[in-house]
Protein backbone atom coordinates (compact mmCIF):
# COMPACT_ATOMS: atom_id res chain seq x y z
CA MET A 1 -2.77 124.53 84.52
CA THR A 2 -2.56 126.23 87.81
CA LEU A 3 -4.76 126.35 90.83
CA LYS A 4 -5.77 129.97 89.87
CA GLU A 5 -6.87 128.50 86.55
CA LEU A 6 -8.86 125.81 88.08
CA GLU A 7 -10.45 128.31 90.21
CA THR A 8 -11.27 130.45 87.44
CA LEU A 9 -12.83 127.47 85.69
CA PHE A 10 -14.75 126.12 88.85
CA PRO A 11 -15.50 129.26 90.81
CA GLN A 12 -18.07 127.78 92.74
CA GLU A 13 -16.36 124.39 93.88
CA ILE A 14 -12.72 125.62 94.23
CA LYS A 15 -10.99 128.71 95.92
CA ALA A 16 -7.31 129.23 96.09
CA ASP A 17 -7.80 130.01 99.80
CA GLY A 18 -9.13 126.78 100.65
CA SER A 19 -12.60 128.03 101.78
CA LEU A 20 -14.39 125.64 99.33
CA ALA A 21 -13.09 122.28 98.11
CA LYS A 22 -9.47 121.87 98.48
CA VAL A 23 -7.21 120.68 95.64
CA VAL A 24 -4.77 118.42 96.93
CA LYS A 25 -3.42 117.04 93.38
CA PHE A 26 -4.50 117.43 89.65
CA THR A 27 -3.22 116.53 86.51
CA CYS A 28 -4.23 118.09 83.28
CA VAL A 29 -4.03 115.78 80.26
CA ARG A 30 -3.51 117.22 76.91
CA THR A 31 -3.95 115.30 73.82
CA PRO A 32 -3.34 117.46 70.71
CA THR A 33 -4.67 114.65 68.44
CA SER A 34 -7.63 113.80 70.58
CA VAL A 35 -9.85 115.69 67.79
CA TYR A 36 -9.81 115.45 64.22
CA GLU A 37 -8.77 118.20 61.71
CA THR A 38 -11.72 119.91 60.04
CA LEU A 39 -10.73 120.55 56.65
CA PRO A 40 -12.92 122.53 54.09
CA GLY A 41 -15.78 120.93 52.68
CA THR A 42 -16.07 118.13 55.46
CA GLU A 43 -18.66 119.93 57.56
CA GLU A 44 -21.08 119.18 54.64
CA ALA A 45 -20.52 115.47 54.93
CA ARG A 46 -21.76 115.49 58.59
CA PRO A 47 -25.44 114.01 58.67
CA LEU A 48 -28.07 115.64 60.21
CA GLN A 49 -30.14 114.12 63.22
CA THR A 50 -32.96 113.63 60.82
CA SER A 51 -32.84 111.58 57.68
CA PRO A 52 -34.79 110.96 54.57
CA ILE A 53 -35.53 107.44 56.09
CA PRO A 54 -38.64 107.30 57.89
CA ASN A 55 -38.08 106.70 61.62
CA PHE A 56 -34.27 106.66 61.04
CA PHE A 57 -32.37 109.30 63.20
CA CYS A 58 -28.65 109.91 63.68
CA ALA A 59 -26.84 110.70 66.85
CA GLY A 60 -23.16 110.90 67.70
CA ASP A 61 -20.20 112.86 67.71
CA PHE A 62 -19.80 112.41 64.08
CA SER A 63 -23.02 113.99 63.35
CA LYS A 64 -23.80 117.70 62.56
CA GLN A 65 -23.59 119.53 66.00
CA LYS A 66 -21.03 122.33 67.30
CA TYR A 67 -18.55 120.09 69.18
CA LEU A 68 -16.41 117.99 67.01
CA ALA A 69 -15.36 114.30 68.01
CA SER A 70 -16.05 114.50 71.69
CA MET A 71 -18.00 113.24 74.43
CA GLU A 72 -19.78 116.83 74.64
CA GLY A 73 -20.47 116.46 70.92
CA ALA A 74 -21.93 113.01 71.31
CA ILE A 75 -24.25 114.09 74.38
CA LEU A 76 -25.52 117.29 72.37
CA SER A 77 -26.28 115.12 69.42
CA GLY A 78 -28.18 112.81 71.37
CA LYS A 79 -30.12 115.73 72.86
CA LEU A 80 -30.89 116.92 69.53
CA ALA A 81 -31.75 113.54 68.17
CA ALA A 82 -34.22 113.07 71.18
CA ARG A 83 -35.82 116.41 70.32
CA VAL A 84 -36.25 115.56 66.63
CA VAL A 85 -37.72 111.99 67.52
CA SER A 86 -40.07 113.82 70.04
CA ASP A 87 -41.06 116.61 67.56
CA GLN A 88 -41.86 113.73 64.78
CA HIS A 89 -43.72 111.92 67.51
CA LEU A 90 -46.01 115.08 68.31
CA GLU A 91 -46.27 115.70 64.68
CA ASN A 92 -47.47 112.38 64.04
CA GLU A 93 -50.00 112.51 66.79
CA ARG A 94 -51.55 115.49 65.39
CA SER A 95 -51.69 114.05 61.76
CA SER A 96 -54.98 112.29 60.97
CA THR A 97 -53.33 110.47 58.00
CA TYR A 98 -50.52 108.91 60.20
CA SER A 99 -50.39 105.23 60.67
CA PRO A 100 -47.63 103.74 62.84
CA PRO A 101 -44.89 102.07 61.18
CA ARG A 102 -44.91 98.19 60.76
CA GLN A 103 -43.22 96.39 63.54
CA LEU A 104 -40.75 93.85 62.45
CA THR A 105 -41.50 90.17 63.19
CA GLU A 106 -39.32 88.59 65.83
CA ARG A 107 -37.74 85.57 64.55
CA PRO A 108 -36.20 82.94 66.97
CA ARG A 109 -32.45 81.81 66.57
CA ASP A 110 -31.73 79.57 63.76
CA PRO A 111 -29.60 76.82 64.95
CA SER A 112 -28.87 75.41 61.33
CA ALA A 113 -27.14 78.98 60.57
CA PRO A 114 -23.64 78.66 59.60
CA ASP A 115 -22.23 81.28 62.00
CA VAL A 116 -24.66 80.36 65.05
CA ASN A 117 -21.76 79.52 67.40
CA GLU A 118 -19.38 82.39 66.28
CA GLN A 119 -18.31 84.60 69.05
CA THR A 120 -16.66 88.03 68.31
CA GLU A 121 -13.19 88.58 69.12
CA VAL A 122 -12.35 90.38 72.29
CA ARG A 123 -12.03 94.09 71.53
CA THR A 124 -13.83 93.73 68.42
CA MET A 125 -16.84 95.67 68.52
CA TYR A 126 -18.53 94.90 65.27
CA VAL A 127 -17.97 92.76 62.26
CA ALA A 128 -19.72 93.30 59.32
CA LYS A 129 -20.55 90.12 57.18
CA THR A 130 -22.03 89.93 53.77
CA THR A 131 -24.15 86.92 52.18
CA THR A 132 -25.64 86.02 49.07
CA SER A 133 -28.39 84.11 50.29
CA ILE A 134 -31.54 85.50 52.18
CA PRO A 135 -33.83 83.23 53.95
CA ALA A 136 -37.04 82.88 52.52
CA ILE A 137 -39.02 84.18 55.46
CA VAL A 138 -36.95 87.48 55.04
CA LYS A 139 -37.35 87.62 51.53
CA ALA A 140 -41.21 87.21 52.01
CA GLU A 141 -41.30 90.09 54.47
CA LEU A 142 -39.32 92.21 52.40
CA GLU A 143 -41.53 91.57 49.49
CA MET A 144 -44.68 92.41 51.61
CA THR A 145 -43.00 95.63 52.82
CA ALA A 146 -42.37 96.50 49.05
CA THR A 147 -46.03 96.16 47.95
CA ARG A 148 -47.37 98.58 50.71
């Protein structure tokens, strides 16, 4: 990228004659594999910000918006999701039949849980675990929710 190209991209900040911000040093990093390849049929697999689950919304660069796998896409998706949440809230306020969702009960930490002292490894963001046993208090809450 040349100084002239920078001036074209940022005309209000940079002038080649130095009358505005003077660029002393710059580097343009090009990463050809920084975005994924879009193949036919994959666009349909990207979720919208809305979902069929009440009060569950989706945001992120993977969701349906115009910028693929980028910070710009993540930001735009967040803005789209915020708009959907806001619209849903306004719609709910106008509805005479709306009742807010039941709040989940906060539970204290269980010191007898088998993984109570486990720590996530450095550089591991999320570890999914499966279990075959559901605590009785959770079962009761799920059953109560199912009967509503």
